[in-house]
Amino acid sequence: MQAAFAAGKPFALAVTGTSMSPLLRDQRDAVFLVSPQMRPPKRNDILLFKRQDALILHRILSVKKDGAFVVNGDAQTWCERVQPEQVLAVAAAILRKGKRIPCDSAGYRFLSTCWRKTRRFRPLLHRMRLFFRPKENEVS
């Protein structure tokens, strides 16, 4: 990743895990990451940061006066604080089913902003999704 950044190129990273669902899907999507110096992080951006020995992709909910970021996974309701020195990269685009989606496109920004505003209601939305999901033994 650092070699790509030094050459001024993005680094592609496959999404693993479910914390960023539904906007990023496990094993289906990838993100194109750039250095935070190339794309300064701002609200609604997706950060790659280091938490102890793990690398985490989460969305910025807000930026504090001291420069820290309040982040949360799209599938989660809790938040955490990330210091600027923990930030390794910022997502510039998403690769989904062979299509590149810039993170600064109007459509993506609108969708991610709408989803970000559902944070308090996500448990209810999840239960509703499970309730309305077709049962395995139902015939369509």
Protein backbone atom coordinates (compact mmCIF):
# COMPACT_ATOMS: atom_id res chain seq x y z
CA MET A 1 0.00 0.00 0.00
CA GLN A 2 2.74 2.47 0.93
CA ALA A 3 4.57 1.75 -2.35
CA ALA A 4 1.41 2.55 -4.32
CA PHE A 5 0.92 5.77 -2.35
CA ALA A 6 4.56 6.77 -2.88
CA ALA A 7 4.00 6.36 -6.63
CA GLY A 8 0.83 8.48 -6.38
CA LYS A 9 -1.40 5.53 -7.23
CA PRO A 10 -4.48 4.14 -5.47
CA PHE A 11 -4.35 0.80 -3.72
CA ALA A 12 -7.21 -1.70 -4.22
CA LEU A 13 -8.40 -3.54 -1.13
CA ALA A 14 -11.07 -6.26 -1.08
CA VAL A 15 -13.79 -5.69 1.50
CA THR A 16 -13.91 -8.41 4.17
CA GLY A 17 -16.36 -8.42 7.02
CA THR A 18 -19.87 -7.09 7.42
CA SER A 19 -19.41 -3.90 9.44
CA MET A 20 -19.85 -1.71 6.33
CA SER A 21 -22.88 -3.47 4.88
CA PRO A 22 -25.14 -2.71 3.09
CA LEU A 23 -23.08 -0.09 1.24
CA LEU A 24 -19.99 -2.31 1.09
CA ARG A 25 -20.48 -6.05 0.83
CA ASP A 26 -18.16 -8.74 2.16
CA GLN A 27 -16.14 -10.50 -0.59
CA ARG A 28 -18.09 -8.67 -3.34
CA ASP A 29 -16.79 -5.11 -3.23
CA ALA A 30 -13.37 -3.50 -3.15
CA VAL A 31 -12.24 0.00 -2.28
CA PHE A 32 -9.59 2.09 -4.01
CA LEU A 33 -7.59 3.74 -1.26
CA VAL A 34 -5.39 6.83 -1.45
CA SER A 35 -3.17 8.43 1.15
CA PRO A 36 -4.76 10.92 3.54
CA GLN A 37 -2.28 13.50 2.22
CA MET A 38 -3.65 13.00 -1.30
CA ARG A 39 -7.30 13.16 -0.17
CA PRO A 40 -7.75 14.83 3.23
CA PRO A 41 -10.48 12.96 5.14
CA LYS A 42 -13.81 14.69 5.65
CA ARG A 43 -17.25 13.78 6.95
CA ASN A 44 -18.87 10.86 5.14
CA ASP A 45 -15.55 9.53 3.78
CA ILE A 46 -14.49 5.94 4.42
CA LEU A 47 -11.25 5.57 6.37
CA LEU A 48 -8.85 2.68 6.62
CA PHE A 49 -7.35 2.90 10.09
CA LYS A 50 -5.41 0.77 12.50
CA ARG A 51 -7.06 -0.44 15.70
CA GLN A 52 -4.51 -2.38 17.76
CA ASP A 53 -3.46 -5.14 15.31
CA ALA A 54 -6.49 -4.89 12.99
CA LEU A 55 -7.17 -2.79 9.89
CA ILE A 56 -10.68 -1.32 9.89
CA LEU A 57 -12.81 0.38 7.21
CA HIS A 58 -15.42 2.71 8.72
CA ARG A 59 -17.24 5.91 7.73
CA ILE A 60 -16.54 9.33 9.23
CA LEU A 61 -19.59 10.71 11.04
CA SER A 62 -17.88 13.87 12.23
CA VAL A 63 -14.52 15.57 12.61
CA LYS A 64 -13.73 16.99 16.05
CA LYS A 65 -11.97 20.31 16.71
CA ASP A 66 -8.82 18.45 17.79
CA GLY A 67 -8.72 16.67 14.39
CA ALA A 68 -10.00 13.31 15.68
CA PHE A 69 -12.63 11.46 13.67
CA VAL A 70 -15.84 9.93 15.01
CA VAL A 71 -16.41 6.83 12.87
CA ASN A 72 -18.88 4.01 12.63
CA GLY A 73 -19.46 0.99 10.42
CA ASP A 74 -22.50 1.27 8.17
CA ALA A 75 -24.00 -1.85 9.80
CA GLN A 76 -23.35 -0.68 13.35
CA THR A 77 -24.98 1.71 15.80
CA TRP A 78 -21.98 2.43 18.06
CA CYS A 79 -19.20 4.91 17.27
CA GLU A 80 -15.53 5.17 18.06
CA ARG A 81 -12.97 7.94 18.04
CA VAL A 82 -9.99 7.64 15.67
CA GLN A 83 -6.90 9.83 15.97
CA PRO A 84 -5.33 11.21 12.76
CA GLU A 85 -2.16 9.17 13.33
CA GLN A 86 -4.25 5.95 13.17
CA VAL A 87 -5.48 6.78 9.65
CA LEU A 88 -3.71 4.86 6.91
CA ALA A 89 -5.87 5.70 3.88
CA VAL A 90 -9.09 7.21 2.55
CA ALA A 91 -11.41 5.54 0.03
CA ALA A 92 -11.51 7.37 -3.30
CA ALA A 93 -13.74 4.88 -5.13
CA ILE A 94 -15.59 1.60 -4.74
CA LEU A 95 -15.47 -1.33 -7.14
CA ARG A 96 -18.78 -3.19 -7.27
CA LYS A 97 -19.48 -5.92 -9.83
CA GLY A 98 -16.82 -4.51 -12.14
CA LYS A 99 -18.12 -0.93 -11.96
CA ARG A 100 -16.02 1.83 -10.42
CA ILE A 101 -18.05 4.25 -8.27
CA PRO A 102 -16.22 7.43 -7.21
CA CYS A 103 -16.81 8.24 -3.54
CA ASP A 104 -17.27 11.90 -4.42
CA SER A 105 -20.01 11.27 -7.01
CA ALA A 106 -23.34 12.94 -6.24
CA GLY A 107 -25.27 9.65 -6.27
CA TYR A 108 -22.91 7.87 -3.89
CA ARG A 109 -22.71 10.90 -1.56
CA PHE A 110 -26.52 11.11 -1.43
CA LEU A 111 -26.94 7.39 -0.69
CA SER A 112 -24.22 7.27 1.96
CA THR A 113 -25.54 10.44 3.64
CA CYS A 114 -29.06 9.01 3.79
CA TRP A 115 -27.75 5.74 5.24
CA ARG A 116 -25.55 7.57 7.77
CA LYS A 117 -28.64 9.34 9.10
CA THR A 118 -30.32 5.98 9.88
CA ARG A 119 -27.73 5.03 12.51
CA ARG A 120 -30.12 5.22 15.47
CA PHE A 121 -32.78 3.19 13.66
CA ARG A 122 -30.60 0.41 12.23
CA PRO A 123 -31.66 -2.27 14.74
CA LEU A 124 -35.29 -1.67 13.79
CA LEU A 125 -34.44 -1.67 10.06
CA HIS A 126 -32.55 -4.93 10.49
CA ARG A 127 -35.49 -6.59 12.25
CA MET A 128 -37.87 -5.37 9.54
CA ARG A 129 -35.56 -6.77 6.84
CA LEU A 130 -35.51 -10.16 8.58
CA PHE A 131 -39.28 -10.13 9.02
CA PHE A 132 -39.97 -9.40 5.34
CA ARG A 133 -37.23 -11.65 3.97
CA PRO A 134 -38.67 -14.68 2.14
CA LYS A 135 -38.54 -17.82 4.24
CA GLU A 136 -36.41 -20.68 2.91
CA ASN A 137 -39.36 -23.04 2.52
CA GLU A 138 -41.65 -20.49 0.78
CA VAL A 139 -42.34 -21.00 -2.88
CA SER A 140 -42.46 -17.86 -5.02
